[in-house]
Amino acid sequence: QLVESGGGLVQPGGSLRLSCAASGFPFSNYVMSWYRQAPGKERALVATINSAGGNTNYADSVKGRFSISRDNSKNTVYLQMNSLKPDDTAVYYCNAWFLLRNYWGQGTQVTVSS
């Protein structure tokens, strides 16, 4: 199970930190990612972190503004979002992947608006 939290309404230029708490599977084995889906658009990859946390990748649109991290002792992955823009408005989903297993959270809404 994956449960996201931390979404909300923020003004342009503001920051939010999303959290995703995992349970029911060996979290430290899994590659963790954040995706987002804006209204009328397909779900898109935002950021990925490997199982040990030493390797990260980001979509070009968020590079330099977002940071993904994980705490394997807490079974939690984070997404720190800075310098938010209206285009970042979307439902943000947590994903866990390992071999043939793939899990999704229910999503958390992030709205960037003045």
Protein backbone atom coordinates (compact mmCIF):
# COMPACT_ATOMS: atom_id res chain seq x y z
CA GLN A 1 0.00 0.00 0.00
CA LEU A 2 1.17 3.52 -0.81
CA VAL A 3 -0.35 6.57 0.86
CA GLU A 4 0.56 10.07 -0.35
CA SER A 5 0.22 13.22 1.71
CA GLY A 6 1.34 16.83 1.66
CA GLY A 7 -0.57 18.20 -1.30
CA GLY A 8 -2.55 21.41 -1.22
CA LEU A 9 -2.94 24.92 -2.57
CA VAL A 10 0.19 27.05 -2.88
CA GLN A 11 1.01 30.34 -4.55
CA PRO A 12 3.41 30.53 -7.50
CA GLY A 13 6.97 30.51 -6.24
CA GLY A 14 6.02 28.58 -3.14
CA SER A 15 7.09 25.16 -1.90
CA LEU A 16 5.48 21.90 -0.88
CA ARG A 17 6.83 18.60 0.37
CA LEU A 18 4.98 15.45 -0.61
CA SER A 19 5.37 12.22 1.33
CA CYS A 20 4.51 8.66 0.37
CA ALA A 21 4.35 6.06 3.11
CA ALA A 22 4.70 2.44 2.01
CA SER A 23 3.58 -0.74 3.69
CA GLY A 24 3.06 -4.39 2.87
CA PHE A 25 6.14 -4.94 0.74
CA PRO A 26 9.95 -4.76 1.14
CA PHE A 27 10.29 -1.04 0.47
CA SER A 28 14.09 -0.98 0.33
CA ASN A 29 14.08 -3.29 -2.71
CA TYR A 30 11.87 -1.02 -4.78
CA VAL A 31 12.58 1.79 -7.19
CA MET A 32 10.33 4.67 -6.18
CA SER A 33 8.94 7.35 -8.46
CA TRP A 34 6.61 10.30 -8.46
CA TYR A 35 4.26 10.83 -11.39
CA ARG A 36 1.73 13.57 -12.03
CA GLN A 37 -1.40 13.94 -14.10
CA ALA A 38 -2.80 17.31 -15.03
CA PRO A 39 -6.42 17.72 -16.20
CA GLY A 40 -6.79 16.49 -19.77
CA LYS A 41 -3.25 15.14 -19.91
CA GLU A 42 -1.62 11.74 -19.57
CA ARG A 43 0.19 10.70 -16.42
CA ALA A 44 3.85 11.71 -16.67
CA LEU A 45 6.99 10.74 -14.79
CA VAL A 46 8.34 13.48 -12.52
CA ALA A 47 11.21 11.89 -10.61
CA THR A 48 12.73 8.50 -9.79
CA ILE A 49 15.06 7.27 -7.07
CA ASN A 50 16.78 3.89 -6.95
CA SER A 51 16.41 1.44 -4.10
CA ALA A 52 19.46 2.64 -2.14
CA GLY A 53 18.71 6.31 -2.75
CA GLY A 54 21.99 7.12 -4.45
CA ASN A 55 20.69 7.66 -7.97
CA THR A 56 17.94 10.07 -9.01
CA ASN A 57 16.44 11.21 -12.29
CA TYR A 58 14.07 14.06 -13.10
CA ALA A 59 11.84 15.25 -15.88
CA ASP A 60 13.36 18.25 -17.65
CA SER A 61 10.43 20.41 -16.55
CA VAL A 62 11.28 20.02 -12.84
CA LYS A 63 15.08 19.79 -12.85
CA GLY A 64 16.61 22.23 -10.39
CA ARG A 65 13.27 22.80 -8.63
CA PHE A 66 12.19 19.37 -7.35
CA SER A 67 14.13 16.89 -5.27
CA ILE A 68 13.24 13.24 -4.60
CA SER A 69 14.58 11.43 -1.56
CA ARG A 70 13.79 8.36 0.52
CA ASP A 71 14.19 7.06 4.04
CA ASN A 72 14.29 3.28 3.95
CA SER A 73 14.13 3.13 7.76
CA LYS A 74 10.73 4.84 7.57
CA ASN A 75 9.49 3.21 4.35
CA THR A 76 8.86 6.67 2.97
CA VAL A 77 9.71 8.58 -0.19
CA TYR A 78 9.54 12.36 -0.46
CA LEU A 79 9.24 14.96 -3.17
CA GLN A 80 10.42 18.45 -2.24
CA MET A 81 8.94 20.94 -4.68
CA ASN A 82 10.32 24.47 -4.81
CA SER A 83 9.67 27.45 -7.08
CA LEU A 84 6.29 26.03 -7.98
CA LYS A 85 4.57 27.18 -11.13
CA PRO A 86 0.91 27.01 -12.23
CA ASP A 87 1.97 24.33 -14.75
CA ASP A 88 2.89 22.10 -11.80
CA THR A 89 -0.80 21.82 -10.91
CA ALA A 90 -1.73 18.15 -11.04
CA VAL A 91 -2.56 15.07 -9.05
CA TYR A 92 0.74 13.59 -7.87
CA TYR A 93 1.07 9.82 -7.59
CA CYS A 94 3.62 7.68 -5.84
CA ASN A 95 4.82 4.51 -7.61
CA ALA A 96 6.82 1.52 -6.44
CA TRP A 97 8.42 -0.86 -8.92
CA PHE A 98 10.53 -4.00 -8.54
CA LEU A 99 10.80 -6.76 -11.15
CA LEU A 100 7.19 -7.55 -12.11
CA ARG A 101 5.56 -5.81 -9.16
CA ASN A 102 4.16 -2.32 -9.59
CA TYR A 103 2.16 -0.38 -6.98
CA TRP A 104 0.39 2.99 -7.10
CA GLY A 105 -0.89 5.35 -4.47
CA GLN A 106 -4.24 7.09 -4.63
CA GLY A 107 -2.74 10.48 -5.46
CA THR A 108 -2.59 13.88 -3.80
CA GLN A 109 -3.74 17.13 -5.41
CA VAL A 110 -1.27 19.97 -5.85
CA THR A 111 -2.70 23.29 -7.02
CA VAL A 112 -0.45 26.25 -7.77
CA SER A 113 -2.48 29.42 -8.05
CA SER A 114 -2.58 32.98 -6.82
